[in-house]
Amino acid sequence: MAIPSLAATSYAAAQKLIEAGSASAPSSSGFSDLVKQSIAAFDGQAKMADQQMSNAISGHVDYVSAVTAVAETETAVETLVAVRDKVIAAYDDIMRMTV
């Protein structure tokens, strides 16, 4: 199951940023690095699901593995979209603030 590994990768990246932030001055690219790593992990998950489906079509892997990989990718997409929506909502809230 790749979703736990996707979550673990994102968590490890967040921990590194927290540890680096407490040891030195905050980095301006900390959040962007976290987003890039999470997207890279998602991209790896999507490529693995695509490979599983290709193998299933050619008969080299069982269909349960292929369907599981696609379902995990679907969950990852839903999570990515939910996070994107939260970021956009937070940005909108910030833009509405009066100074």
PDB file of N, CA and C in Angstrom:
ATOM      1  N   MET A   1       0.840  -1.176   0.000  1.00  0.00           N
ATOM      2  CA  MET A   1       0.000   0.000   0.000  1.00  0.00           C
ATOM      3  C   MET A   1       0.883   1.236   0.000  1.00  0.00           C
ATOM      4  N   ALA A   2       0.681   2.074  -0.977  1.00  0.00           N
ATOM      5  CA  ALA A   2       1.547   3.230  -1.143  1.00  0.00           C
ATOM      6  C   ALA A   2       1.048   4.466  -0.421  1.00  0.00           C
ATOM      7  N   ILE A   3      -0.220   4.533  -0.070  1.00  0.00           N
ATOM      8  CA  ILE A   3      -0.734   5.703   0.635  1.00  0.00           C
ATOM      9  C   ILE A   3      -0.020   5.873   1.967  1.00  0.00           C
ATOM     10  N   PRO A   4       0.163   4.819   2.764  1.00  0.00           N
ATOM     11  CA  PRO A   4       0.939   5.005   3.988  1.00  0.00           C
ATOM     12  C   PRO A   4       2.365   5.483   3.701  1.00  0.00           C
ATOM     13  N   SER A   5       2.965   5.012   2.613  1.00  0.00           N
ATOM     14  CA  SER A   5       4.310   5.481   2.300  1.00  0.00           C
ATOM     15  C   SER A   5       4.280   6.930   1.843  1.00  0.00           C
ATOM     16  N   LEU A   6       3.214   7.344   1.136  1.00  0.00           N
ATOM     17  CA  LEU A   6       3.062   8.740   0.741  1.00  0.00           C
ATOM     18  C   LEU A   6       2.927   9.616   1.981  1.00  0.00           C
ATOM     19  N   ALA A   7       2.106   9.174   2.912  1.00  0.00           N
ATOM     20  CA  ALA A   7       1.923   9.926   4.149  1.00  0.00           C
ATOM     21  C   ALA A   7       3.218   9.946   4.955  1.00  0.00           C
ATOM     22  N   ALA A   8       3.918   8.821   4.996  1.00  0.00           N
ATOM     23  CA  ALA A   8       5.176   8.762   5.739  1.00  0.00           C
ATOM     24  C   ALA A   8       6.219   9.673   5.128  1.00  0.00           C
ATOM     25  N   THR A   9       6.265   9.737   3.806  1.00  0.00           N
ATOM     26  CA  THR A   9       7.216  10.623   3.137  1.00  0.00           C
ATOM     27  C   THR A   9       6.909  12.078   3.455  1.00  0.00           C
ATOM     28  N   SER A  10       5.640  12.439   3.396  1.00  0.00           N
ATOM     29  CA  SER A  10       5.249  13.811   3.709  1.00  0.00           C
ATOM     30  C   SER A  10       5.540  14.146   5.166  1.00  0.00           C
ATOM     31  N   TYR A  11       5.266  13.198   6.050  1.00  0.00           N
ATOM     32  CA  TYR A  11       5.530  13.417   7.473  1.00  0.00           C
ATOM     33  C   TYR A  11       7.025  13.582   7.725  1.00  0.00           C
ATOM     34  N   ALA A  12       7.850  12.735   7.090  1.00  0.00           N
ATOM     35  CA  ALA A  12       9.305  12.835   7.259  1.00  0.00           C
ATOM     36  C   ALA A  12       9.813  14.174   6.742  1.00  0.00           C
ATOM     37  N   ALA A  13       9.274  14.642   5.629  1.00  0.00           N
ATOM     38  CA  ALA A  13       9.687  15.941   5.093  1.00  0.00           C
ATOM     39  C   ALA A  13       9.303  17.065   6.051  1.00  0.00           C
ATOM     40  N   ALA A  14       8.113  16.969   6.640  1.00  0.00           N
ATOM     41  CA  ALA A  14       7.676  17.982   7.599  1.00  0.00           C
ATOM     42  C   ALA A  14       8.558  17.962   8.847  1.00  0.00           C
ATOM     43  N   GLN A  15       8.922  16.772   9.307  1.00  0.00           N
ATOM     44  CA  GLN A  15       9.797  16.667  10.482  1.00  0.00           C
ATOM     45  C   GLN A  15      11.157  17.296  10.202  1.00  0.00           C
ATOM     46  N   LYS A  16      11.709  17.057   9.016  1.00  0.00           N
ATOM     47  CA  LYS A  16      13.004  17.658   8.663  1.00  0.00           C
ATOM     48  C   LYS A  16      12.910  19.169   8.658  1.00  0.00           C
ATOM     49  N   LEU A  17      11.806  19.708   8.141  1.00  0.00           N
ATOM     50  CA  LEU A  17      11.635  21.153   8.125  1.00  0.00           C
ATOM     51  C   LEU A  17      11.516  21.716   9.536  1.00  0.00           C
ATOM     52  N   ILE A  18      10.808  20.998  10.394  1.00  0.00           N
ATOM     53  CA  ILE A  18      10.656  21.455  11.774  1.00  0.00           C
ATOM     54  C   ILE A  18      11.999  21.441  12.486  1.00  0.00           C
ATOM     55  N   GLU A  19      12.751  20.357  12.311  1.00  0.00           N
ATOM     56  CA  GLU A  19      14.067  20.260  12.942  1.00  0.00           C
ATOM     57  C   GLU A  19      15.018  21.311  12.397  1.00  0.00           C
ATOM     58  N   ALA A  20      14.986  21.552  11.097  1.00  0.00           N
ATOM     59  CA  ALA A  20      15.860  22.566  10.500  1.00  0.00           C
ATOM     60  C   ALA A  20      15.456  23.959  10.966  1.00  0.00           C
ATOM     61  N   GLY A  21      14.155  24.193  11.124  1.00  0.00           N
ATOM     62  CA  GLY A  21      13.676  25.491  11.575  1.00  0.00           C
ATOM     63  C   GLY A  21      14.056  25.776  13.018  1.00  0.00           C
ATOM     64  N   SER A  22      14.095  24.752  13.868  1.00  0.00           N
ATOM     65  CA  SER A  22      14.461  24.977  15.255  1.00  0.00           C
ATOM     66  C   SER A  22      15.964  25.121  15.417  1.00  0.00           C
ATOM     67  N   ALA A  23      16.736  24.591  14.477  1.00  0.00           N
ATOM     68  CA  ALA A  23      18.194  24.663  14.579  1.00  0.00           C
ATOM     69  C   ALA A  23      18.757  25.938  13.975  1.00  0.00           C
ATOM     70  N   SER A  24      18.062  26.515  12.999  1.00  0.00           N
ATOM     71  CA  SER A  24      18.579  27.704  12.335  1.00  0.00           C
ATOM     72  C   SER A  24      17.445  28.663  12.031  1.00  0.00           C
ATOM     73  N   ALA A  25      17.760  29.736  11.311  1.00  0.00           N
ATOM     74  CA  ALA A  25      16.744  30.702  10.918  1.00  0.00           C
ATOM     75  C   ALA A  25      15.768  30.049   9.943  1.00  0.00           C
ATOM     76  N   PRO A  26      14.526  30.482   9.950  1.00  0.00           N
ATOM     77  CA  PRO A  26      13.550  29.885   9.049  1.00  0.00           C
ATOM     78  C   PRO A  26      13.934  30.074   7.582  1.00  0.00           C
ATOM     79  N   SER A  27      13.687  29.069   6.806  1.00  0.00           N
ATOM     80  CA  SER A  27      14.009  29.100   5.380  1.00  0.00           C
ATOM     81  C   SER A  27      12.803  29.603   4.609  1.00  0.00           C
ATOM     82  N   SER A  28      13.055  30.380   3.572  1.00  0.00           N
ATOM     83  CA  SER A  28      11.940  30.892   2.778  1.00  0.00           C
ATOM     84  C   SER A  28      11.385  29.831   1.852  1.00  0.00           C
ATOM     85  N   SER A  29      12.121  28.739   1.639  1.00  0.00           N
ATOM     86  CA  SER A  29      11.649  27.699   0.726  1.00  0.00           C
ATOM     87  C   SER A  29      11.165  26.460   1.476  1.00  0.00           C
ATOM     88  N   GLY A  30      10.932  26.528   2.768  1.00  0.00           N
ATOM     89  CA  GLY A  30      10.529  25.368   3.550  1.00  0.00           C
ATOM     90  C   GLY A  30       9.213  24.775   3.111  1.00  0.00           C
ATOM     91  N   PHE A  31       8.184  25.602   2.992  1.00  0.00           N
ATOM     92  CA  PHE A  31       6.871  25.101   2.600  1.00  0.00           C
ATOM     93  C   PHE A  31       6.892  24.616   1.160  1.00  0.00           C
ATOM     94  N   SER A  32       7.584  25.347   0.301  1.00  0.00           N
ATOM     95  CA  SER A  32       7.634  24.931  -1.104  1.00  0.00           C
ATOM     96  C   SER A  32       8.358  23.600  -1.249  1.00  0.00           C
ATOM     97  N   ASP A  33       9.389  23.372  -0.431  1.00  0.00           N
ATOM     98  CA  ASP A  33      10.066  22.074  -0.470  1.00  0.00           C
ATOM     99  C   ASP A  33       9.133  20.957  -0.029  1.00  0.00           C
ATOM    100  N   LEU A  34       8.347  21.204   0.995  1.00  0.00           N
ATOM    101  CA  LEU A  34       7.386  20.211   1.467  1.00  0.00           C
ATOM    102  C   LEU A  34       6.356  19.891   0.388  1.00  0.00           C
ATOM    103  N   VAL A  35       5.876  20.918  -0.295  1.00  0.00           N
ATOM    104  CA  VAL A  35       4.892  20.716  -1.359  1.00  0.00           C
ATOM    105  C   VAL A  35       5.523  19.942  -2.515  1.00  0.00           C
ATOM    106  N   LYS A  36       6.752  20.302  -2.885  1.00  0.00           N
ATOM    107  CA  LYS A  36       7.430  19.608  -3.984  1.00  0.00           C
ATOM    108  C   LYS A  36       7.649  18.133  -3.654  1.00  0.00           C
ATOM    109  N   GLN A  37       8.047  17.844  -2.429  1.00  0.00           N
ATOM    110  CA  GLN A  37       8.269  16.455  -2.030  1.00  0.00           C
ATOM    111  C   GLN A  37       6.963  15.668  -2.012  1.00  0.00           C
ATOM    112  N   SER A  38       5.902  16.293  -1.554  1.00  0.00           N
ATOM    113  CA  SER A  38       4.603  15.617  -1.526  1.00  0.00           C
ATOM    114  C   SER A  38       4.092  15.341  -2.933  1.00  0.00           C
ATOM    115  N   ILE A  39       4.273  16.303  -3.824  1.00  0.00           N
ATOM    116  CA  ILE A  39       3.848  16.109  -5.209  1.00  0.00           C
ATOM    117  C   ILE A  39       4.700  15.046  -5.882  1.00  0.00           C
ATOM    118  N   ALA A  40       5.994  15.028  -5.577  1.00  0.00           N
ATOM    119  CA  ALA A  40       6.861  13.992  -6.145  1.00  0.00           C
ATOM    120  C   ALA A  40       6.442  12.601  -5.654  1.00  0.00           C
ATOM    121  N   ALA A  41       6.078  12.507  -4.381  1.00  0.00           N
ATOM    122  CA  ALA A  41       5.618  11.225  -3.849  1.00  0.00           C
ATOM    123  C   ALA A  41       4.305  10.818  -4.508  1.00  0.00           C
ATOM    124  N   PHE A  42       3.414  11.769  -4.719  1.00  0.00           N
ATOM    125  CA  PHE A  42       2.159  11.480  -5.405  1.00  0.00           C
ATOM    126  C   PHE A  42       2.419  11.037  -6.840  1.00  0.00           C
ATOM    127  N   ASP A  43       3.340  11.705  -7.506  1.00  0.00           N
ATOM    128  CA  ASP A  43       3.672  11.350  -8.889  1.00  0.00           C
ATOM    129  C   ASP A  43       4.218   9.927  -8.957  1.00  0.00           C
ATOM    130  N   GLY A  44       5.044   9.557  -7.995  1.00  0.00           N
ATOM    131  CA  GLY A  44       5.561   8.190  -7.942  1.00  0.00           C
ATOM    132  C   GLY A  44       4.445   7.181  -7.743  1.00  0.00           C
ATOM    133  N   GLN A  45       3.479   7.518  -6.893  1.00  0.00           N
ATOM    134  CA  GLN A  45       2.322   6.645  -6.667  1.00  0.00           C
ATOM    135  C   GLN A  45       1.518   6.487  -7.947  1.00  0.00           C
ATOM    136  N   ALA A  46       1.292   7.591  -8.662  1.00  0.00           N
ATOM    137  CA  ALA A  46       0.511   7.532  -9.899  1.00  0.00           C
ATOM    138  C   ALA A  46       1.234   6.702 -10.960  1.00  0.00           C
ATOM    139  N   LYS A  47       2.544   6.848 -11.052  1.00  0.00           N
ATOM    140  CA  LYS A  47       3.311   6.069 -12.024  1.00  0.00           C
ATOM    141  C   LYS A  47       3.279   4.581 -11.682  1.00  0.00           C
ATOM    142  N   MET A  48       3.329   4.271 -10.380  1.00  0.00           N
ATOM    143  CA  MET A  48       3.261   2.870  -9.974  1.00  0.00           C
ATOM    144  C   MET A  48       1.897   2.277 -10.333  1.00  0.00           C
ATOM    145  N   ALA A  49       0.830   3.033 -10.120  1.00  0.00           N
ATOM    146  CA  ALA A  49      -0.507   2.555 -10.468  1.00  0.00           C
ATOM    147  C   ALA A  49      -0.625   2.350 -11.973  1.00  0.00           C
ATOM    148  N   ASP A  50      -0.049   3.259 -12.735  1.00  0.00           N
ATOM    149  CA  ASP A  50      -0.071   3.127 -14.189  1.00  0.00           C
ATOM    150  C   ASP A  50       0.675   1.865 -14.625  1.00  0.00           C
ATOM    151  N   GLN A  51       1.809   1.610 -13.993  1.00  0.00           N
ATOM    152  CA  GLN A  51       2.584   0.403 -14.308  1.00  0.00           C
ATOM    153  C   GLN A  51       1.806  -0.855 -13.920  1.00  0.00           C
ATOM    154  N   GLN A  52       1.143  -0.833 -12.767  1.00  0.00           N
ATOM    155  CA  GLN A  52       0.335  -1.970 -12.338  1.00  0.00           C
ATOM    156  C   GLN A  52      -0.792  -2.247 -13.336  1.00  0.00           C
ATOM    157  N   MET A  53      -1.434  -1.182 -13.820  1.00  0.00           N
ATOM    158  CA  MET A  53      -2.512  -1.371 -14.790  1.00  0.00           C
ATOM    159  C   MET A  53      -1.965  -1.921 -16.105  1.00  0.00           C
ATOM    160  N   SER A  54      -0.819  -1.435 -16.531  1.00  0.00           N
ATOM    161  CA  SER A  54      -0.204  -1.963 -17.756  1.00  0.00           C
ATOM    162  C   SER A  54       0.126  -3.438 -17.596  1.00  0.00           C
ATOM    163  N   ASN A  55       0.657  -3.808 -16.431  1.00  0.00           N
ATOM    164  CA  ASN A  55       0.966  -5.215 -16.167  1.00  0.00           C
ATOM    165  C   ASN A  55      -0.302  -6.063 -16.108  1.00  0.00           C
ATOM    166  N   ALA A  56      -1.369  -5.499 -15.547  1.00  0.00           N
ATOM    167  CA  ALA A  56      -2.623  -6.247 -15.462  1.00  0.00           C
ATOM    168  C   ALA A  56      -3.205  -6.482 -16.853  1.00  0.00           C
ATOM    169  N   ILE A  57      -3.114  -5.483 -17.698  1.00  0.00           N
ATOM    170  CA  ILE A  57      -3.644  -5.617 -19.057  1.00  0.00           C
ATOM    171  C   ILE A  57      -2.864  -6.675 -19.827  1.00  0.00           C
ATOM    172  N   SER A  58      -1.543  -6.704 -19.621  1.00  0.00           N
ATOM    173  CA  SER A  58      -0.727  -7.688 -20.334  1.00  0.00           C
ATOM    174  C   SER A  58      -0.746  -9.051 -19.646  1.00  0.00           C
ATOM    175  N   GLY A  59      -1.364  -9.125 -18.454  1.00  0.00           N
ATOM    176  CA  GLY A  59      -1.511 -10.403 -17.767  1.00  0.00           C
ATOM    177  C   GLY A  59      -0.362 -10.767 -16.851  1.00  0.00           C
ATOM    178  N   HIS A  60       0.489  -9.818 -16.492  1.00  0.00           N
ATOM    179  CA  HIS A  60       1.662 -10.105 -15.669  1.00  0.00           C
ATOM    180  C   HIS A  60       1.437  -9.908 -14.175  1.00  0.00           C
ATOM    181  N   VAL A  61       0.300  -9.387 -13.788  1.00  0.00           N
ATOM    182  CA  VAL A  61       0.020  -9.155 -12.371  1.00  0.00           C
ATOM    183  C   VAL A  61      -1.469  -9.406 -12.142  1.00  0.00           C
ATOM    184  N   ASP A  62      -1.805  -9.756 -10.916  1.00  0.00           N
ATOM    185  CA  ASP A  62      -3.217 -10.019 -10.642  1.00  0.00           C
ATOM    186  C   ASP A  62      -4.012  -8.713 -10.598  1.00  0.00           C
ATOM    187  N   TYR A  63      -5.287  -8.826 -10.865  1.00  0.00           N
ATOM    188  CA  TYR A  63      -6.147  -7.660 -10.960  1.00  0.00           C
ATOM    189  C   TYR A  63      -6.379  -6.992  -9.615  1.00  0.00           C
ATOM    190  N   VAL A  64      -6.291  -7.746  -8.551  1.00  0.00           N
ATOM    191  CA  VAL A  64      -6.497  -7.167  -7.216  1.00  0.00           C
ATOM    192  C   VAL A  64      -5.407  -6.132  -6.925  1.00  0.00           C
ATOM    193  N   SER A  65      -4.165  -6.442  -7.258  1.00  0.00           N
ATOM    194  CA  SER A  65      -3.064  -5.496  -7.054  1.00  0.00           C
ATOM    195  C   SER A  65      -3.262  -4.241  -7.889  1.00  0.00           C
ATOM    196  N   ALA A  66      -3.694  -4.423  -9.131  1.00  0.00           N
ATOM    197  CA  ALA A  66      -3.898  -3.274 -10.014  1.00  0.00           C
ATOM    198  C   ALA A  66      -5.027  -2.388  -9.507  1.00  0.00           C
ATOM    199  N   VAL A  67      -6.134  -2.996  -9.109  1.00  0.00           N
ATOM    200  CA  VAL A  67      -7.270  -2.217  -8.618  1.00  0.00           C
ATOM    201  C   VAL A  67      -6.906  -1.517  -7.308  1.00  0.00           C
ATOM    202  N   THR A  68      -6.148  -2.188  -6.457  1.00  0.00           N
ATOM    203  CA  THR A  68      -5.706  -1.577  -5.203  1.00  0.00           C
ATOM    204  C   THR A  68      -4.814  -0.366  -5.477  1.00  0.00           C
ATOM    205  N   ALA A  69      -3.900  -0.493  -6.426  1.00  0.00           N
ATOM    206  CA  ALA A  69      -3.010   0.622  -6.768  1.00  0.00           C
ATOM    207  C   ALA A  69      -3.808   1.804  -7.312  1.00  0.00           C
ATOM    208  N   VAL A  70      -4.795   1.532  -8.142  1.00  0.00           N
ATOM    209  CA  VAL A  70      -5.620   2.608  -8.686  1.00  0.00           C
ATOM    210  C   VAL A  70      -6.456   3.254  -7.584  1.00  0.00           C
ATOM    211  N   ALA A  71      -6.987   2.466  -6.671  1.00  0.00           N
ATOM    212  CA  ALA A  71      -7.767   3.017  -5.564  1.00  0.00           C
ATOM    213  C   ALA A  71      -6.900   3.884  -4.651  1.00  0.00           C
ATOM    214  N   GLU A  72      -5.664   3.459  -4.416  1.00  0.00           N
ATOM    215  CA  GLU A  72      -4.745   4.257  -3.601  1.00  0.00           C
ATOM    216  C   GLU A  72      -4.414   5.573  -4.293  1.00  0.00           C
ATOM    217  N   THR A  73      -4.258   5.517  -5.599  1.00  0.00           N
ATOM    218  CA  THR A  73      -3.984   6.745  -6.344  1.00  0.00           C
ATOM    219  C   THR A  73      -5.190   7.673  -6.311  1.00  0.00           C
ATOM    220  N   GLU A  74      -6.381   7.107  -6.399  1.00  0.00           N
ATOM    221  CA  GLU A  74      -7.593   7.919  -6.311  1.00  0.00           C
ATOM    222  C   GLU A  74      -7.681   8.615  -4.957  1.00  0.00           C
ATOM    223  N   THR A  75      -7.355   7.897  -3.906  1.00  0.00           N
ATOM    224  CA  THR A  75      -7.348   8.491  -2.565  1.00  0.00           C
ATOM    225  C   THR A  75      -6.306   9.598  -2.470  1.00  0.00           C
ATOM    226  N   ALA A  76      -5.141   9.371  -3.069  1.00  0.00           N
ATOM    227  CA  ALA A  76      -4.086  10.392  -3.056  1.00  0.00           C
ATOM    228  C   ALA A  76      -4.527  11.641  -3.817  1.00  0.00           C
ATOM    229  N   VAL A  77      -5.226  11.455  -4.936  1.00  0.00           N
ATOM    230  CA  VAL A  77      -5.726  12.600  -5.703  1.00  0.00           C
ATOM    231  C   VAL A  77      -6.750  13.376  -4.880  1.00  0.00           C
ATOM    232  N   GLU A  78      -7.656  12.667  -4.229  1.00  0.00           N
ATOM    233  CA  GLU A  78      -8.654  13.335  -3.399  1.00  0.00           C
ATOM    234  C   GLU A  78      -7.998  14.115  -2.262  1.00  0.00           C
ATOM    235  N   THR A  79      -6.963  13.539  -1.665  1.00  0.00           N
ATOM    236  CA  THR A  79      -6.234  14.226  -0.595  1.00  0.00           C
ATOM    237  C   THR A  79      -5.534  15.465  -1.130  1.00  0.00           C
ATOM    238  N   LEU A  80      -4.891  15.326  -2.285  1.00  0.00           N
ATOM    239  CA  LEU A  80      -4.185  16.455  -2.890  1.00  0.00           C
ATOM    240  C   LEU A  80      -5.150  17.582  -3.226  1.00  0.00           C
ATOM    241  N   VAL A  81      -6.317  17.242  -3.745  1.00  0.00           N
ATOM    242  CA  VAL A  81      -7.321  18.259  -4.070  1.00  0.00           C
ATOM    243  C   VAL A  81      -7.850  18.923  -2.804  1.00  0.00           C
ATOM    244  N   ALA A  82      -8.064  18.148  -1.750  1.00  0.00           N
ATOM    245  CA  ALA A  82      -8.540  18.718  -0.485  1.00  0.00           C
ATOM    246  C   ALA A  82      -7.519  19.688   0.102  1.00  0.00           C
ATOM    247  N   VAL A  83      -6.249  19.316   0.046  1.00  0.00           N
ATOM    248  CA  VAL A  83      -5.191  20.211   0.553  1.00  0.00           C
ATOM    249  C   VAL A  83      -5.136  21.477  -0.295  1.00  0.00           C
ATOM    250  N   ARG A  84      -5.229  21.317  -1.615  1.00  0.00           N
ATOM    251  CA  ARG A  84      -5.234  22.489  -2.495  1.00  0.00           C
ATOM    252  C   ARG A  84      -6.377  23.421  -2.160  1.00  0.00           C
ATOM    253  N   ASP A  85      -7.564  22.856  -1.931  1.00  0.00           N
ATOM    254  CA  ASP A  85      -8.729  23.672  -1.587  1.00  0.00           C
ATOM    255  C   ASP A  85      -8.523  24.412  -0.270  1.00  0.00           C
ATOM    256  N   LYS A  86      -7.907  23.750   0.705  1.00  0.00           N
ATOM    257  CA  LYS A  86      -7.636  24.404   1.992  1.00  0.00           C
ATOM    258  C   LYS A  86      -6.631  25.537   1.829  1.00  0.00           C
ATOM    259  N   VAL A  87      -5.613  25.331   1.011  1.00  0.00           N
ATOM    260  CA  VAL A  87      -4.613  26.380   0.778  1.00  0.00           C
ATOM    261  C   VAL A  87      -5.260  27.579   0.092  1.00  0.00           C
ATOM    262  N   ILE A  88      -6.108  27.323  -0.884  1.00  0.00           N
ATOM    263  CA  ILE A  88      -6.795  28.420  -1.570  1.00  0.00           C
ATOM    264  C   ILE A  88      -7.724  29.160  -0.615  1.00  0.00           C
ATOM    265  N   ALA A  89      -8.423  28.424   0.233  1.00  0.00           N
ATOM    266  CA  ALA A  89      -9.312  29.058   1.210  1.00  0.00           C
ATOM    267  C   ALA A  89      -8.511  29.909   2.201  1.00  0.00           C
ATOM    268  N   ALA A  90      -7.359  29.405   2.626  1.00  0.00           N
ATOM    269  CA  ALA A  90      -6.515  30.180   3.539  1.00  0.00           C
ATOM    270  C   ALA A  90      -5.999  31.437   2.857  1.00  0.00           C
ATOM    271  N   TYR A  91      -5.617  31.331   1.607  1.00  0.00           N
ATOM    272  CA  TYR A  91      -5.151  32.494   0.851  1.00  0.00           C
ATOM    273  C   TYR A  91      -6.263  33.528   0.725  1.00  0.00           C
ATOM    274  N   ASP A  92      -7.473  33.061   0.432  1.00  0.00           N
ATOM    275  CA  ASP A  92      -8.613  33.972   0.330  1.00  0.00           C
ATOM    276  C   ASP A  92      -8.869  34.680   1.662  1.00  0.00           C
ATOM    277  N   ASP A  93      -8.754  33.932   2.766  1.00  0.00           N
ATOM    278  CA  ASP A  93      -8.942  34.534   4.089  1.00  0.00           C
ATOM    279  C   ASP A  93      -7.892  35.601   4.365  1.00  0.00           C
ATOM    280  N   ILE A  94      -6.671  35.335   3.991  1.00  0.00           N
ATOM    281  CA  ILE A  94      -5.588  36.304   4.190  1.00  0.00           C
ATOM    282  C   ILE A  94      -5.832  37.551   3.352  1.00  0.00           C
ATOM    283  N   MET A  95      -6.291  37.360   2.115  1.00  0.00           N
ATOM    284  CA  MET A  95      -6.520  38.500   1.235  1.00  0.00           C
ATOM    285  C   MET A  95      -7.685  39.359   1.719  1.00  0.00           C
ATOM    286  N   ARG A  96      -8.631  38.765   2.452  1.00  0.00           N
ATOM    287  CA  ARG A  96      -9.765  39.517   2.974  1.00  0.00           C
ATOM    288  C   ARG A  96      -9.440  40.285   4.253  1.00  0.00           C
ATOM    289  N   MET A  97      -8.308  40.004   4.865  1.00  0.00           N
ATOM    290  CA  MET A  97      -7.942  40.676   6.114  1.00  0.00           C
ATOM    291  C   MET A  97      -7.692  42.165   5.866  1.00  0.00           C
ATOM    292  N   THR A  98      -8.132  42.965   6.813  1.00  0.00           N
ATOM    293  CA  THR A  98      -7.855  44.397   6.717  1.00  0.00           C
ATOM    294  C   THR A  98      -6.577  44.694   7.450  1.00  0.00           C
ATOM    295  N   VAL A  99      -5.839  45.611   6.891  1.00  0.00           N
ATOM    296  CA  VAL A  99      -4.546  45.952   7.476  1.00  0.00           C
ATOM    297  C   VAL A  99      -4.628  47.289   8.163  1.00  0.00           C
TER     298      VAL A  99
END
